[in-house]
Amino acid sequence: MDGISVYSEDTRTTLVPNEFIDYYMPRANGTFVKVYLYLLRCLTAPEAGFGISVIADALEETEKDILRALRYWEREKVLSLTWGEADEIRGIKLNRLSKPAVGTSAVPLTSATVSRGAEREAISSPAKCEPVSIAKAPSEKLPDYSPAQLDAFANRQDTNWLLHAAESYLERMLKPADVQLLFYLHDELHFSDELILHLYEYCVSRGKKTPSYIQKVALSWHADGIDTVEKADERSLQFDSCFTAVNRAFALNRAPGISERRFLSRWSAFGFSSDLIEEACTRALLSTSHPDFKYADKILERWHQNNVHTMSDVKKLDDAHNARVAKGQAAEASRSAQNRFNAFPQREYSGNDLTDLEKALLAVPASH
């Protein structure tokens, strides 16, 4: 068919602006889109109770996710927020949408069409191997930005709001080092605005507000290819569950050091569940009598090489090892039994001894 008609027999509808679908929706993540659609739905039910917590409960998101989405849409000029004296949102106005200004990265959804002939060619023809340029890893040392560069960054229309958001997370005025870090995250690591805010929220939630700590987390995310909030949430969940298991087994009751974090990241990359990591750390502690990350790493690496994914897999591996040990012990016991006679010291006789023994036997009278 060349065309498909779309219609509905249900008149209980919520109208979505075409501009939102064409220009704004493709660039936003799923949570942001859900929030905007829910706001449109609320326009048709003004009598219903409304608030940030109501939206969070309805969409099964956190209140911080809702606030992040509202800030994003405000920056995109999709809506306008009215704030109260206690820094709480008092009003949300959905703006009339139009085509973004020339130079934006937004592309109309309706223009993304591909001919069926091109589709068939793309499917049937193997992709050509083109040389890939590997981006240079960012330096851990912040660039030496000049005061003029920092001022220009702080006064840019697309970044000024970001500095204010960072101030709200840090609960203090930004220092030059904070502005340098934001400049670095935005222009050097190319983090999106929502990912930068999520980074600050993540670090602050752990009681860490120093630029050096935030930079280390950012570099770790960048090295692991984390470029969206969803990927960051997934990694944080894996890392936190891994850290909880290690802390429980080793009884550390402290944050991991830099080298220890590398082990945690490695174990998370293996895809081990928290119970497997806790089991490996427990075995390491019993064998060495102290928290030994290297010993635990050897155990987990062996499990990874043997495709261990569950505790039942661990039991099978242990049973196979015990069977090999028992078989080796049985073989050793058998060899010892065969050589038991030879274990006694053997007496050596000389030629004269044998001659004397022979004469003694011949001198014995024969019995009748």
Protein backbone atom coordinates (compact mmCIF):
# COMPACT_ATOMS: atom_id res chain seq x y z
CA MET A 1 0.00 0.00 0.00
CA ASP A 2 1.20 3.51 -0.77
CA GLY A 3 -0.76 5.18 2.02
CA ILE A 4 -2.34 4.32 5.35
CA SER A 5 -5.27 6.31 6.72
CA VAL A 6 -5.41 6.99 10.45
CA TYR A 7 -8.71 7.68 12.18
CA SER A 8 -10.47 7.11 15.50
CA GLU A 9 -14.02 6.44 16.53
CA ASP A 10 -13.32 7.72 20.06
CA THR A 11 -13.90 11.46 20.47
CA ARG A 12 -12.48 11.52 24.01
CA THR A 13 -9.12 12.75 22.83
CA THR A 14 -6.22 14.96 23.90
CA LEU A 15 -4.88 17.18 21.14
CA VAL A 16 -1.13 17.21 20.62
CA PRO A 17 0.38 20.05 18.55
CA ASN A 18 1.84 18.88 15.27
CA GLU A 19 4.95 20.97 15.90
CA PHE A 20 5.63 19.00 19.06
CA ILE A 21 5.48 15.71 17.18
CA ASP A 22 7.48 17.01 14.21
CA TYR A 23 10.23 18.97 15.90
CA TYR A 24 10.41 18.48 19.68
CA MET A 25 9.42 14.90 20.43
CA PRO A 26 12.17 13.15 18.38
CA ARG A 27 14.92 14.90 20.39
CA ALA A 28 13.50 14.33 23.88
CA ASN A 29 13.80 11.22 26.01
CA GLY A 30 10.78 9.14 26.94
CA THR A 31 10.21 10.64 30.39
CA PHE A 32 10.17 14.19 29.04
CA VAL A 33 7.63 13.24 26.38
CA LYS A 34 5.43 11.52 28.95
CA VAL A 35 5.42 14.61 31.15
CA TYR A 36 4.37 16.89 28.29
CA LEU A 37 1.61 14.53 27.18
CA TYR A 38 0.34 14.30 30.74
CA LEU A 39 0.22 18.09 30.96
CA LEU A 40 -1.89 18.16 27.81
CA ARG A 41 -4.20 15.59 29.38
CA CYS A 42 -4.56 17.75 32.49
CA LEU A 43 -5.88 20.59 30.32
CA THR A 44 -8.99 18.51 29.63
CA ALA A 45 -9.54 17.78 33.34
CA PRO A 46 -8.93 21.07 35.18
CA GLU A 47 -11.07 19.94 38.10
CA ALA A 48 -8.62 17.13 38.99
CA GLY A 49 -6.00 17.61 41.68
CA PHE A 50 -2.63 18.62 40.26
CA GLY A 51 0.94 18.83 41.50
CA ILE A 52 4.44 17.51 40.97
CA SER A 53 3.77 14.53 43.22
CA VAL A 54 0.55 13.79 41.32
CA ILE A 55 2.43 13.70 38.00
CA ALA A 56 5.18 11.54 39.51
CA ASP A 57 2.66 9.02 40.85
CA ALA A 58 0.69 8.94 37.62
CA LEU A 59 3.78 8.37 35.43
CA GLU A 60 5.63 6.18 37.96
CA GLU A 61 8.60 8.54 37.97
CA THR A 62 10.38 10.40 40.76
CA GLU A 63 9.56 14.01 41.53
CA LYS A 64 13.11 14.96 40.54
CA ASP A 65 12.54 13.36 37.12
CA ILE A 66 9.38 15.46 36.72
CA LEU A 67 11.21 18.66 37.68
CA ARG A 68 14.04 17.83 35.30
CA ALA A 69 11.53 17.35 32.48
CA LEU A 70 9.81 20.66 33.24
CA ARG A 71 13.14 22.50 33.23
CA TYR A 72 14.02 20.87 29.92
CA TRP A 73 10.73 21.91 28.27
CA GLU A 74 11.10 25.41 29.69
CA ARG A 75 14.53 25.69 28.11
CA GLU A 76 13.07 24.48 24.81
CA LYS A 77 10.36 27.17 25.21
CA VAL A 78 7.67 24.51 25.05
CA LEU A 79 6.27 25.77 28.35
CA SER A 80 6.79 28.55 30.90
CA LEU A 81 7.09 28.05 34.65
CA THR A 82 5.97 30.44 37.37
CA TRP A 83 7.86 30.15 40.65
CA GLY A 84 6.72 31.00 44.16
CA GLU A 85 8.71 32.66 46.93
CA ALA A 86 9.76 29.29 48.37
CA ASP A 87 11.18 28.16 45.01
CA GLU A 88 8.20 25.96 44.29
CA ILE A 89 6.39 25.83 40.96
CA ARG A 90 3.13 27.79 41.13
CA GLY A 91 2.11 27.70 37.49
CA ILE A 92 2.78 25.95 34.17
CA LYS A 93 1.81 27.57 30.89
CA LEU A 94 1.98 25.49 27.72
CA ASN A 95 3.24 27.79 24.99
CA ARG A 96 2.05 27.92 21.43
CA LEU A 97 4.60 25.90 19.48
CA SER A 98 6.18 26.85 16.20
CA LYS A 99 8.96 25.60 14.00
CA PRO A 100 12.34 26.06 15.75
CA ALA A 101 14.68 28.73 14.47
CA VAL A 102 16.99 28.02 11.55
CA GLY A 103 20.16 26.24 12.62
CA THR A 104 18.57 23.97 15.19
CA SER A 105 19.25 20.27 15.02
CA ALA A 106 15.53 19.47 14.98
CA VAL A 107 14.36 17.70 11.84
CA PRO A 108 10.67 17.30 10.99
CA LEU A 109 9.52 13.76 11.60
CA THR A 110 7.45 13.84 8.41
CA SER A 111 10.54 14.56 6.32
CA ALA A 112 12.35 11.43 7.44
CA THR A 113 11.09 9.26 4.57
CA VAL A 114 12.99 6.53 2.73
CA SER A 115 11.93 4.99 -0.55
CA ARG A 116 11.14 1.30 -0.60
CA GLY A 117 13.84 0.82 -3.22
CA ALA A 118 16.41 2.37 -0.89
CA GLU A 119 15.20 0.14 1.94
CA ARG A 120 15.62 -2.98 -0.19
CA GLU A 121 19.10 -1.85 -1.24
CA ALA A 122 20.10 -1.19 2.35
CA ILE A 123 18.88 -4.63 3.43
CA SER A 124 20.36 -6.63 0.56
CA SER A 125 23.69 -4.81 0.24
CA PRO A 126 26.27 -5.36 2.97
CA ALA A 127 27.61 -2.23 4.59
CA LYS A 128 31.01 -1.11 3.40
CA CYS A 129 33.75 -0.98 5.97
CA GLU A 130 34.81 2.63 6.25
CA PRO A 131 37.78 3.78 8.28
CA VAL A 132 36.68 4.93 11.70
CA SER A 133 38.41 7.78 13.45
CA ILE A 134 38.80 7.20 17.17
CA ALA A 135 38.16 10.28 19.25
CA LYS A 136 40.94 11.31 21.54
CA ALA A 137 40.20 10.59 25.17
CA PRO A 138 39.58 13.79 27.13
CA SER A 139 42.27 14.92 29.50
CA GLU A 140 41.64 14.56 33.23
CA LYS A 141 43.10 18.01 33.70
CA LEU A 142 40.62 20.80 33.04
CA PRO A 143 41.58 23.19 30.26
CA ASP A 144 42.91 26.53 31.42
CA TYR A 145 39.89 28.62 30.45
CA SER A 146 40.41 32.37 30.54
CA PRO A 147 38.11 34.65 32.56
CA ALA A 148 36.71 35.99 29.30
CA GLN A 149 35.82 32.47 28.15
CA LEU A 150 34.12 31.67 31.46
CA ASP A 151 32.14 34.91 31.37
CA ALA A 152 31.04 34.23 27.80
CA PHE A 153 29.97 30.71 28.76
CA ALA A 154 28.04 31.94 31.80
CA ASN A 155 26.21 34.58 29.75
CA ARG A 156 25.26 32.35 26.85
CA GLN A 157 21.51 31.98 26.48
CA ASP A 158 21.71 28.19 26.20
CA THR A 159 23.94 27.71 29.27
CA ASN A 160 23.01 30.48 31.70
CA TRP A 161 20.10 28.48 33.07
CA LEU A 162 22.40 25.48 33.54
CA LEU A 163 24.58 27.41 35.96
CA HIS A 164 21.53 28.40 38.01
CA ALA A 165 20.40 24.76 38.10
CA ALA A 166 23.85 23.66 39.31
CA GLU A 167 23.68 26.30 42.05
CA SER A 168 20.38 24.87 43.25
CA TYR A 169 21.87 21.37 43.44
CA LEU A 170 25.03 22.53 45.23
CA GLU A 171 23.03 24.91 47.47
CA ARG A 172 25.67 27.63 47.17
CA MET A 173 27.03 30.20 44.78
CA LEU A 174 29.22 28.78 42.04
CA LYS A 175 32.96 29.18 42.34
CA PRO A 176 35.27 29.63 39.32
CA ALA A 177 36.18 25.94 39.56
CA ASP A 178 32.48 25.04 39.30
CA VAL A 179 32.03 27.17 36.19
CA GLN A 180 35.17 25.65 34.65
CA LEU A 181 33.80 22.17 35.25
CA LEU A 182 30.42 23.01 33.70
CA PHE A 183 32.22 24.50 30.69
CA TYR A 184 34.28 21.30 30.46
CA LEU A 185 31.26 18.99 30.71
CA HIS A 186 29.30 20.97 28.15
CA ASP A 187 31.92 21.78 25.53
CA GLU A 188 34.64 19.13 26.05
CA LEU A 189 32.71 15.98 27.05
CA HIS A 190 29.60 17.13 25.13
CA PHE A 191 27.22 16.03 27.89
CA SER A 192 23.62 17.02 27.26
CA ASP A 193 22.04 19.48 29.67
CA GLU A 194 19.81 16.82 31.21
CA LEU A 195 22.79 14.47 31.67
CA ILE A 196 24.76 17.25 33.41
CA LEU A 197 21.87 17.88 35.80
CA HIS A 198 21.56 14.16 36.45
CA LEU A 199 25.30 14.02 37.16
CA TYR A 200 25.01 16.76 39.78
CA GLU A 201 21.95 15.13 41.30
CA TYR A 202 23.77 11.79 41.48
CA CYS A 203 26.85 13.24 43.19
CA VAL A 204 24.93 15.47 45.60
CA SER A 205 22.71 12.55 46.63
CA ARG A 206 25.92 10.84 47.78
CA GLY A 207 27.04 13.86 49.77
CA LYS A 208 29.72 14.85 47.23
CA LYS A 209 29.71 18.44 45.97
CA THR A 210 33.35 19.12 45.10
CA PRO A 211 34.23 19.76 41.44
CA SER A 212 36.99 17.13 41.58
CA TYR A 213 34.59 14.37 42.60
CA ILE A 214 31.96 15.39 40.05
CA GLN A 215 34.65 15.45 37.35
CA LYS A 216 35.83 11.92 38.25
CA VAL A 217 32.29 10.56 37.96
CA ALA A 218 31.82 12.39 34.66
CA LEU A 219 35.04 10.94 33.22
CA SER A 220 33.98 7.48 34.37
CA TRP A 221 30.64 7.87 32.60
CA HIS A 222 32.32 9.19 29.47
CA ALA A 223 34.77 6.27 29.39
CA ASP A 224 31.87 3.81 29.69
CA GLY A 225 29.95 5.43 26.84
CA ILE A 226 27.20 6.82 29.07
CA ASP A 227 25.57 9.63 27.11
CA THR A 228 21.96 9.52 28.31
CA VAL A 229 20.18 9.73 31.66
CA GLU A 230 18.77 6.24 31.10
CA LYS A 231 22.25 4.74 30.70
CA ALA A 232 23.48 6.61 33.76
CA ASP A 233 20.56 5.31 35.83
CA GLU A 234 21.24 1.75 34.69
CA ARG A 235 24.94 1.98 35.53
CA SER A 236 24.25 3.59 38.89
CA LEU A 237 21.83 0.82 39.77
CA GLN A 238 24.35 -1.86 38.86
CA PHE A 239 27.22 -0.13 40.66
CA ASP A 240 25.18 0.57 43.79
CA SER A 241 23.97 -3.02 44.09
CA CYS A 242 27.54 -4.23 43.54
CA PHE A 243 28.91 -1.84 46.18
CA THR A 244 26.22 -2.88 48.67
CA ALA A 245 27.14 -6.54 48.22
CA VAL A 246 30.86 -5.84 48.68
CA ASN A 247 30.26 -3.65 51.71
CA ARG A 248 28.11 -6.35 53.28
CA ALA A 249 30.65 -9.13 52.67
CA PHE A 250 33.77 -7.16 53.61
CA ALA A 251 32.04 -5.05 56.31
CA LEU A 252 33.77 -1.95 54.96
CA ASN A 253 31.21 0.69 56.01
CA ARG A 254 33.00 3.24 53.86
CA ALA A 255 33.12 4.50 50.30
CA PRO A 256 35.40 2.53 47.94
CA GLY A 257 38.76 3.95 46.92
CA ILE A 258 39.78 4.66 43.35
CA SER A 259 41.41 1.27 42.75
CA GLU A 260 38.50 -0.49 44.47
CA ARG A 261 36.00 1.35 42.26
CA ARG A 262 37.81 -0.09 39.23
CA PHE A 263 37.14 -3.59 40.57
CA LEU A 264 33.48 -2.74 41.18
CA SER A 265 33.11 -1.38 37.65
CA ARG A 266 34.78 -4.51 36.26
CA TRP A 267 32.45 -6.81 38.21
CA SER A 268 29.42 -4.79 37.12
CA ALA A 269 30.59 -5.13 33.50
CA PHE A 270 30.74 -8.91 33.99
CA GLY A 271 27.00 -8.75 34.69
CA PHE A 272 27.18 -10.60 38.01
CA SER A 273 24.26 -10.36 40.40
CA SER A 274 24.81 -8.93 43.87
CA ASP A 275 24.54 -12.37 45.51
CA LEU A 276 27.38 -13.76 43.35
CA ILE A 277 29.61 -10.77 44.13
CA GLU A 278 28.86 -11.11 47.83
CA GLU A 279 29.67 -14.85 47.69
CA ALA A 280 33.02 -14.22 45.97
CA CYS A 281 33.97 -11.53 48.50
CA THR A 282 32.96 -13.80 51.39
CA ARG A 283 35.21 -16.57 50.04
CA ALA A 284 38.06 -14.10 49.63
CA LEU A 285 37.64 -12.92 53.23
CA LEU A 286 37.59 -16.50 54.57
CA SER A 287 40.72 -17.40 52.59
CA THR A 288 42.81 -14.32 53.37
CA SER A 289 41.27 -13.12 56.66
CA HIS A 290 41.01 -9.56 55.30
CA PRO A 291 39.09 -7.71 52.54
CA ASP A 292 41.06 -8.70 49.44
CA PHE A 293 39.64 -7.23 46.22
CA LYS A 294 42.33 -8.91 44.09
CA TYR A 295 41.50 -12.35 45.47
CA ALA A 296 37.77 -11.75 44.92
CA ASP A 297 38.54 -10.55 41.39
CA LYS A 298 40.34 -13.84 40.61
CA ILE A 299 37.30 -15.78 41.81
CA LEU A 300 34.87 -13.70 39.76
CA GLU A 301 37.10 -13.82 36.69
CA ARG A 302 37.19 -17.63 36.91
CA TRP A 303 33.41 -17.70 37.25
CA HIS A 304 33.09 -15.36 34.28
CA GLN A 305 35.32 -17.61 32.16
CA ASN A 306 33.17 -20.61 33.14
CA ASN A 307 29.89 -18.83 32.28
CA VAL A 308 28.68 -18.76 35.87
CA HIS A 309 25.49 -16.70 36.19
CA THR A 310 23.66 -18.07 39.24
CA MET A 311 24.43 -19.62 42.61
CA SER A 312 23.42 -23.01 41.19
CA ASP A 313 26.15 -22.55 38.56
CA VAL A 314 28.61 -21.89 41.39
CA LYS A 315 27.52 -25.12 43.10
CA LYS A 316 28.02 -27.10 39.88
CA LEU A 317 31.49 -25.62 39.47
CA ASP A 318 32.31 -26.40 43.11
CA ASP A 319 31.02 -29.99 42.76
CA ALA A 320 33.13 -30.53 39.64
CA HIS A 321 36.20 -29.16 41.44
CA ASN A 322 35.56 -31.32 44.51
CA ALA A 323 35.11 -34.37 42.28
CA ARG A 324 38.48 -33.73 40.63
CA VAL A 325 40.13 -33.27 44.02
CA ALA A 326 38.57 -36.49 45.36
CA LYS A 327 39.65 -38.41 42.27
CA GLY A 328 43.20 -37.13 42.63
CA GLN A 329 43.28 -38.07 46.31
CA ALA A 330 42.00 -41.61 45.53
CA ALA A 331 44.67 -42.07 42.88
CA GLU A 332 47.35 -40.91 45.29
CA ALA A 333 46.08 -43.30 47.99
CA SER A 334 46.15 -46.18 45.51
CA ARG A 335 49.74 -45.45 44.54
CA SER A 336 50.72 -45.32 48.21
CA ALA A 337 49.11 -48.72 48.89
CA GLN A 338 50.95 -50.35 45.99
CA ASN A 339 54.28 -49.07 47.26
CA ARG A 340 53.68 -49.96 50.93
CA PHE A 341 55.87 -53.14 50.86
CA ASN A 342 58.74 -51.24 49.34
CA ALA A 343 58.46 -48.66 52.03
CA PHE A 344 60.32 -50.90 54.51
CA PRO A 345 64.15 -50.61 54.44
CA GLN A 346 65.74 -53.48 52.48
CA ARG A 347 68.86 -55.26 53.84
CA GLU A 348 71.81 -55.65 51.50
CA TYR A 349 73.84 -58.90 51.61
CA SER A 350 77.49 -59.32 50.50
CA GLY A 351 78.92 -62.41 48.79
CA ASN A 352 80.47 -63.68 52.04
CA ASP A 353 77.15 -63.28 53.85
CA LEU A 354 75.41 -65.42 51.25
CA THR A 355 78.18 -68.12 51.50
CA ASP A 356 77.91 -68.26 55.29
CA LEU A 357 74.12 -68.48 55.06
CA GLU A 358 74.39 -71.37 52.62
CA LYS A 359 76.82 -73.28 54.89
CA ALA A 360 74.54 -72.76 57.87
CA LEU A 361 71.58 -74.21 55.99
CA LEU A 362 73.58 -77.28 54.84
CA ALA A 363 74.72 -77.96 58.43
CA VAL A 364 71.16 -78.27 59.69
CA PRO A 365 70.33 -82.05 60.04
CA ALA A 366 67.43 -83.23 57.97
CA SER A 367 64.34 -84.10 59.95
CA HIS A 368 63.00 -87.65 59.78
